[in-house]
Amino acid sequence: TGLTGAHQQPDSLILRNHRLHVEIVFDRNGSLGGHAQAGIQDIRVESAITTIMDCEDSVAAVDAEDKLEVYANWLGLIRGDLIAEVSKGGQSRQRSLNPDKTFTAA
């Protein structure tokens, strides 16, 4: 369906089946691709997820303040600018959405 990088030696190939995508990432110098004959560093599989967003009767959002936070997070997902502070093992870091990918038609 598509690729990134040069046509002669792509960085990745994108395949499509039933409107879902699989991206095969190549990196002959990578931690995995450097040891694989085909140079495959990673395989990323898109999943079909259906979510019902019900913030009106949700137990997680019982008052106006909770609902405001839920709707703000949902808006951040839709706009692609959601950022969350995550703490684990005494260390804190920010998590954010990956940027949209651009592929060239094959």
N, C-alpha and C. Protein backbone atom coordinates (compact mmCIF):
# COMPACT_ATOMS: atom_id res chain seq x y z
N THR A 1 0.82 -1.19 0.00
CA THR A 1 0.00 0.00 0.00
C THR A 1 0.86 1.25 0.00
N GLY A 2 1.93 1.27 0.83
CA GLY A 2 2.76 2.46 0.92
C GLY A 2 4.10 2.17 1.54
N LEU A 3 4.92 3.24 1.63
CA LEU A 3 6.25 3.08 2.20
C LEU A 3 6.76 4.42 2.72
N THR A 4 7.84 4.34 3.50
CA THR A 4 8.58 5.54 3.90
C THR A 4 10.00 5.35 3.41
N GLY A 5 10.70 6.45 3.17
CA GLY A 5 12.06 6.38 2.66
C GLY A 5 12.08 6.22 1.15
N ALA A 6 13.22 5.82 0.65
CA ALA A 6 13.41 5.68 -0.79
C ALA A 6 12.74 4.42 -1.30
N HIS A 7 12.23 4.48 -2.53
CA HIS A 7 11.58 3.31 -3.14
C HIS A 7 12.55 2.14 -3.25
N GLN A 8 13.82 2.41 -3.56
CA GLN A 8 14.80 1.34 -3.75
C GLN A 8 15.19 0.66 -2.44
N GLN A 9 15.18 1.41 -1.33
CA GLN A 9 15.53 0.85 -0.03
C GLN A 9 14.67 1.54 1.04
N PRO A 10 13.41 1.11 1.15
CA PRO A 10 12.49 1.79 2.07
C PRO A 10 12.85 1.61 3.54
N ASP A 11 12.48 2.62 4.34
CA ASP A 11 12.62 2.52 5.80
C ASP A 11 11.53 1.64 6.39
N SER A 12 10.36 1.67 5.73
CA SER A 12 9.25 0.82 6.17
C SER A 12 8.28 0.61 5.02
N LEU A 13 7.56 -0.49 5.09
CA LEU A 13 6.48 -0.81 4.16
C LEU A 13 5.18 -0.87 4.94
N ILE A 14 4.11 -0.42 4.32
CA ILE A 14 2.80 -0.49 4.96
C ILE A 14 1.91 -1.39 4.11
N LEU A 15 1.30 -2.36 4.75
CA LEU A 15 0.38 -3.28 4.10
C LEU A 15 -1.01 -3.03 4.66
N ARG A 16 -2.04 -3.32 3.86
CA ARG A 16 -3.41 -3.07 4.33
C ARG A 16 -4.29 -4.26 3.99
N ASN A 17 -5.14 -4.61 4.97
CA ASN A 17 -6.13 -5.67 4.78
C ASN A 17 -7.35 -5.32 5.62
N HIS A 18 -8.52 -5.28 5.02
CA HIS A 18 -9.76 -4.93 5.71
C HIS A 18 -9.64 -3.57 6.42
N ARG A 19 -8.99 -2.62 5.78
CA ARG A 19 -8.80 -1.25 6.29
C ARG A 19 -7.91 -1.18 7.53
N LEU A 20 -7.25 -2.25 7.90
CA LEU A 20 -6.27 -2.23 8.98
C LEU A 20 -4.88 -2.34 8.37
N HIS A 21 -3.90 -1.78 9.06
CA HIS A 21 -2.56 -1.68 8.50
C HIS A 21 -1.52 -2.43 9.32
N VAL A 22 -0.50 -2.92 8.63
CA VAL A 22 0.68 -3.51 9.24
C VAL A 22 1.88 -2.76 8.67
N GLU A 23 2.74 -2.28 9.56
CA GLU A 23 3.94 -1.57 9.12
C GLU A 23 5.16 -2.44 9.43
N ILE A 24 5.94 -2.72 8.41
CA ILE A 24 7.19 -3.48 8.57
C ILE A 24 8.32 -2.46 8.53
N VAL A 25 9.03 -2.32 9.65
CA VAL A 25 10.08 -1.31 9.80
C VAL A 25 11.45 -1.98 9.60
N PHE A 26 12.27 -1.38 8.73
CA PHE A 26 13.61 -1.91 8.44
C PHE A 26 14.67 -1.02 9.08
N ASP A 27 15.67 -1.64 9.68
CA ASP A 27 16.83 -0.92 10.19
C ASP A 27 17.97 -1.93 10.34
N ARG A 28 18.81 -2.00 9.34
CA ARG A 28 19.90 -2.98 9.32
C ARG A 28 20.95 -2.71 10.39
N ASN A 29 20.91 -1.54 11.02
CA ASN A 29 21.82 -1.21 12.11
C ASN A 29 21.14 -1.27 13.47
N GLY A 30 19.86 -1.61 13.49
CA GLY A 30 19.09 -1.63 14.74
C GLY A 30 19.43 -2.83 15.60
N SER A 31 18.93 -2.80 16.82
CA SER A 31 19.20 -3.88 17.78
C SER A 31 18.65 -5.22 17.31
N LEU A 32 17.56 -5.22 16.55
CA LEU A 32 17.00 -6.46 16.01
C LEU A 32 17.31 -6.60 14.52
N GLY A 33 17.09 -5.52 13.78
CA GLY A 33 17.30 -5.55 12.32
C GLY A 33 18.72 -5.83 11.92
N GLY A 34 19.68 -5.47 12.79
CA GLY A 34 21.08 -5.74 12.49
C GLY A 34 21.42 -7.22 12.52
N HIS A 35 20.56 -8.02 13.17
CA HIS A 35 20.80 -9.45 13.28
C HIS A 35 19.89 -10.26 12.36
N ALA A 36 18.93 -9.60 11.71
CA ALA A 36 17.98 -10.29 10.85
C ALA A 36 18.41 -10.15 9.39
N GLN A 37 18.36 -11.23 8.66
CA GLN A 37 18.78 -11.21 7.26
C GLN A 37 17.99 -10.19 6.44
N ALA A 38 16.71 -10.06 6.72
CA ALA A 38 15.88 -9.10 6.00
C ALA A 38 15.99 -7.68 6.56
N GLY A 39 16.67 -7.50 7.69
CA GLY A 39 16.84 -6.18 8.29
C GLY A 39 15.58 -5.66 8.97
N ILE A 40 14.65 -6.55 9.33
CA ILE A 40 13.40 -6.11 9.95
C ILE A 40 13.65 -5.77 11.42
N GLN A 41 13.40 -4.52 11.76
CA GLN A 41 13.59 -4.02 13.12
C GLN A 41 12.32 -4.18 13.95
N ASP A 42 11.15 -3.98 13.31
CA ASP A 42 9.90 -4.00 14.07
C ASP A 42 8.75 -4.28 13.12
N ILE A 43 7.68 -4.83 13.66
CA ILE A 43 6.42 -5.00 12.93
C ILE A 43 5.34 -4.39 13.80
N ARG A 44 4.67 -3.39 13.27
CA ARG A 44 3.63 -2.68 14.02
C ARG A 44 2.27 -3.00 13.40
N VAL A 45 1.36 -3.47 14.24
CA VAL A 45 0.05 -3.91 13.77
C VAL A 45 -1.02 -2.97 14.32
N GLU A 46 -1.81 -2.43 13.42
CA GLU A 46 -2.94 -1.58 13.82
C GLU A 46 -4.08 -2.47 14.27
N SER A 47 -4.74 -2.08 15.34
CA SER A 47 -5.88 -2.86 15.81
C SER A 47 -7.16 -2.05 15.66
N ALA A 48 -8.24 -2.75 15.45
CA ALA A 48 -9.54 -2.11 15.34
C ALA A 48 -10.13 -2.01 16.74
N ILE A 49 -10.29 -0.80 17.20
CA ILE A 49 -10.82 -0.58 18.54
C ILE A 49 -12.09 0.24 18.43
N THR A 50 -13.12 -0.23 19.07
CA THR A 50 -14.36 0.52 19.15
C THR A 50 -14.57 0.90 20.60
N THR A 51 -14.82 2.17 20.85
CA THR A 51 -15.00 2.65 22.21
C THR A 51 -16.33 3.39 22.31
N ILE A 52 -17.05 3.10 23.35
CA ILE A 52 -18.26 3.85 23.64
C ILE A 52 -17.90 4.86 24.73
N MET A 53 -18.04 6.14 24.43
CA MET A 53 -17.73 7.19 25.39
C MET A 53 -19.03 7.62 26.05
N ASP A 54 -19.27 7.18 27.26
CA ASP A 54 -20.47 7.54 28.00
C ASP A 54 -20.04 8.24 29.28
N CYS A 55 -20.01 9.56 29.23
CA CYS A 55 -19.58 10.34 30.40
C CYS A 55 -20.76 10.83 31.22
N GLU A 56 -21.96 10.55 30.80
CA GLU A 56 -23.12 11.05 31.52
C GLU A 56 -23.49 10.18 32.72
N ASP A 57 -23.39 8.87 32.57
CA ASP A 57 -23.77 7.97 33.65
C ASP A 57 -22.58 7.19 34.19
N SER A 58 -21.40 7.64 33.88
CA SER A 58 -20.20 6.92 34.27
C SER A 58 -19.91 7.06 35.76
N VAL A 59 -19.52 5.97 36.39
CA VAL A 59 -19.15 6.01 37.79
C VAL A 59 -17.84 6.77 37.98
N ALA A 60 -16.99 6.76 36.96
CA ALA A 60 -15.70 7.43 37.04
C ALA A 60 -15.83 8.96 37.00
N ALA A 61 -16.93 9.45 36.51
CA ALA A 61 -17.14 10.90 36.42
C ALA A 61 -18.48 11.24 37.06
N VAL A 62 -18.45 11.46 38.38
CA VAL A 62 -19.71 11.63 39.10
C VAL A 62 -20.13 13.08 39.28
N ASP A 63 -19.19 14.00 39.31
CA ASP A 63 -19.58 15.40 39.48
C ASP A 63 -19.04 16.23 38.32
N ALA A 64 -19.38 17.51 38.32
CA ALA A 64 -19.02 18.39 37.21
C ALA A 64 -17.50 18.47 37.00
N GLU A 65 -16.72 18.50 38.08
CA GLU A 65 -15.26 18.59 37.97
C GLU A 65 -14.69 17.34 37.30
N ASP A 66 -15.20 16.17 37.70
CA ASP A 66 -14.74 14.92 37.08
C ASP A 66 -15.10 14.87 35.60
N LYS A 67 -16.34 15.27 35.30
CA LYS A 67 -16.78 15.24 33.91
C LYS A 67 -15.97 16.20 33.04
N LEU A 68 -15.63 17.36 33.59
CA LEU A 68 -14.81 18.31 32.86
C LEU A 68 -13.45 17.70 32.51
N GLU A 69 -12.85 16.99 33.47
CA GLU A 69 -11.55 16.34 33.21
C GLU A 69 -11.68 15.24 32.16
N VAL A 70 -12.75 14.45 32.23
CA VAL A 70 -12.96 13.38 31.26
C VAL A 70 -13.13 13.95 29.86
N TYR A 71 -13.97 14.99 29.72
CA TYR A 71 -14.20 15.59 28.40
C TYR A 71 -12.93 16.30 27.89
N ALA A 72 -12.14 16.89 28.77
CA ALA A 72 -10.89 17.54 28.35
C ALA A 72 -9.91 16.48 27.83
N ASN A 73 -9.83 15.34 28.50
CA ASN A 73 -8.97 14.26 28.02
C ASN A 73 -9.44 13.73 26.68
N TRP A 74 -10.74 13.56 26.53
CA TRP A 74 -11.30 13.07 25.26
C TRP A 74 -10.98 14.06 24.14
N LEU A 75 -11.13 15.35 24.40
CA LEU A 75 -10.81 16.37 23.40
C LEU A 75 -9.33 16.32 23.04
N GLY A 76 -8.47 16.10 24.04
CA GLY A 76 -7.04 15.97 23.77
C GLY A 76 -6.72 14.79 22.86
N LEU A 77 -7.45 13.68 23.04
CA LEU A 77 -7.28 12.53 22.15
C LEU A 77 -7.70 12.86 20.73
N ILE A 78 -8.83 13.53 20.59
CA ILE A 78 -9.34 13.89 19.27
C ILE A 78 -8.40 14.86 18.56
N ARG A 79 -7.91 15.87 19.29
CA ARG A 79 -7.00 16.86 18.70
C ARG A 79 -5.58 16.33 18.55
N GLY A 80 -5.23 15.29 19.30
CA GLY A 80 -3.89 14.73 19.22
C GLY A 80 -2.87 15.43 20.10
N ASP A 81 -3.32 16.24 21.07
CA ASP A 81 -2.38 16.98 21.90
C ASP A 81 -2.46 16.59 23.38
N LEU A 82 -3.01 15.42 23.67
CA LEU A 82 -3.13 14.95 25.05
C LEU A 82 -1.74 14.60 25.61
N ILE A 83 -1.42 15.12 26.78
CA ILE A 83 -0.17 14.82 27.48
C ILE A 83 -0.53 14.44 28.91
N ALA A 84 0.11 13.40 29.42
CA ALA A 84 -0.14 12.95 30.79
C ALA A 84 1.18 12.76 31.51
N GLU A 85 1.20 13.15 32.76
CA GLU A 85 2.36 12.94 33.63
C GLU A 85 2.22 11.57 34.26
N VAL A 86 3.24 10.72 34.11
CA VAL A 86 3.19 9.35 34.62
C VAL A 86 4.35 9.15 35.59
N SER A 87 4.06 8.58 36.77
CA SER A 87 5.09 8.27 37.76
C SER A 87 5.17 6.77 37.95
N LYS A 88 6.40 6.25 37.95
CA LYS A 88 6.61 4.82 38.15
C LYS A 88 8.00 4.62 38.73
N GLY A 89 8.07 3.86 39.80
CA GLY A 89 9.36 3.58 40.42
C GLY A 89 10.09 4.82 40.90
N GLY A 90 9.34 5.81 41.34
CA GLY A 90 9.94 7.04 41.84
C GLY A 90 10.38 8.00 40.76
N GLN A 91 10.17 7.64 39.50
CA GLN A 91 10.54 8.53 38.40
C GLN A 91 9.28 9.01 37.69
N SER A 92 9.34 10.25 37.23
CA SER A 92 8.19 10.87 36.58
C SER A 92 8.57 11.23 35.14
N ARG A 93 7.62 11.08 34.23
CA ARG A 93 7.84 11.49 32.84
C ARG A 93 6.52 11.82 32.17
N GLN A 94 6.61 12.51 31.05
CA GLN A 94 5.41 12.87 30.30
C GLN A 94 5.20 11.86 29.19
N ARG A 95 3.94 11.48 29.00
CA ARG A 95 3.56 10.61 27.89
C ARG A 95 2.68 11.42 26.96
N SER A 96 2.84 11.21 25.68
CA SER A 96 2.03 11.92 24.70
C SER A 96 1.77 11.02 23.50
N LEU A 97 0.87 11.44 22.65
CA LEU A 97 0.53 10.66 21.47
C LEU A 97 1.64 10.78 20.43
N ASN A 98 1.84 9.72 19.66
CA ASN A 98 2.79 9.79 18.56
C ASN A 98 2.21 10.66 17.45
N PRO A 99 3.07 11.34 16.70
CA PRO A 99 2.56 12.16 15.59
C PRO A 99 1.99 11.27 14.49
N ASP A 100 1.16 11.86 13.63
CA ASP A 100 0.62 11.14 12.48
C ASP A 100 1.77 10.73 11.58
N LYS A 101 1.62 9.59 10.92
CA LYS A 101 2.63 9.09 10.00
C LYS A 101 2.27 9.47 8.58
N THR A 102 3.29 9.69 7.78
CA THR A 102 3.09 10.01 6.36
C THR A 102 3.77 8.94 5.53
N PHE A 103 3.05 8.35 4.60
CA PHE A 103 3.57 7.32 3.72
C PHE A 103 3.42 7.73 2.27
N THR A 104 4.30 7.21 1.43
CA THR A 104 4.22 7.41 0.00
C THR A 104 3.50 6.21 -0.60
N ALA A 105 2.59 6.45 -1.52
CA ALA A 105 1.87 5.34 -2.17
C ALA A 105 2.85 4.48 -2.93
N ALA A 106 2.66 3.17 -2.84
CA ALA A 106 3.58 2.25 -3.53
C ALA A 106 3.13 2.03 -4.96
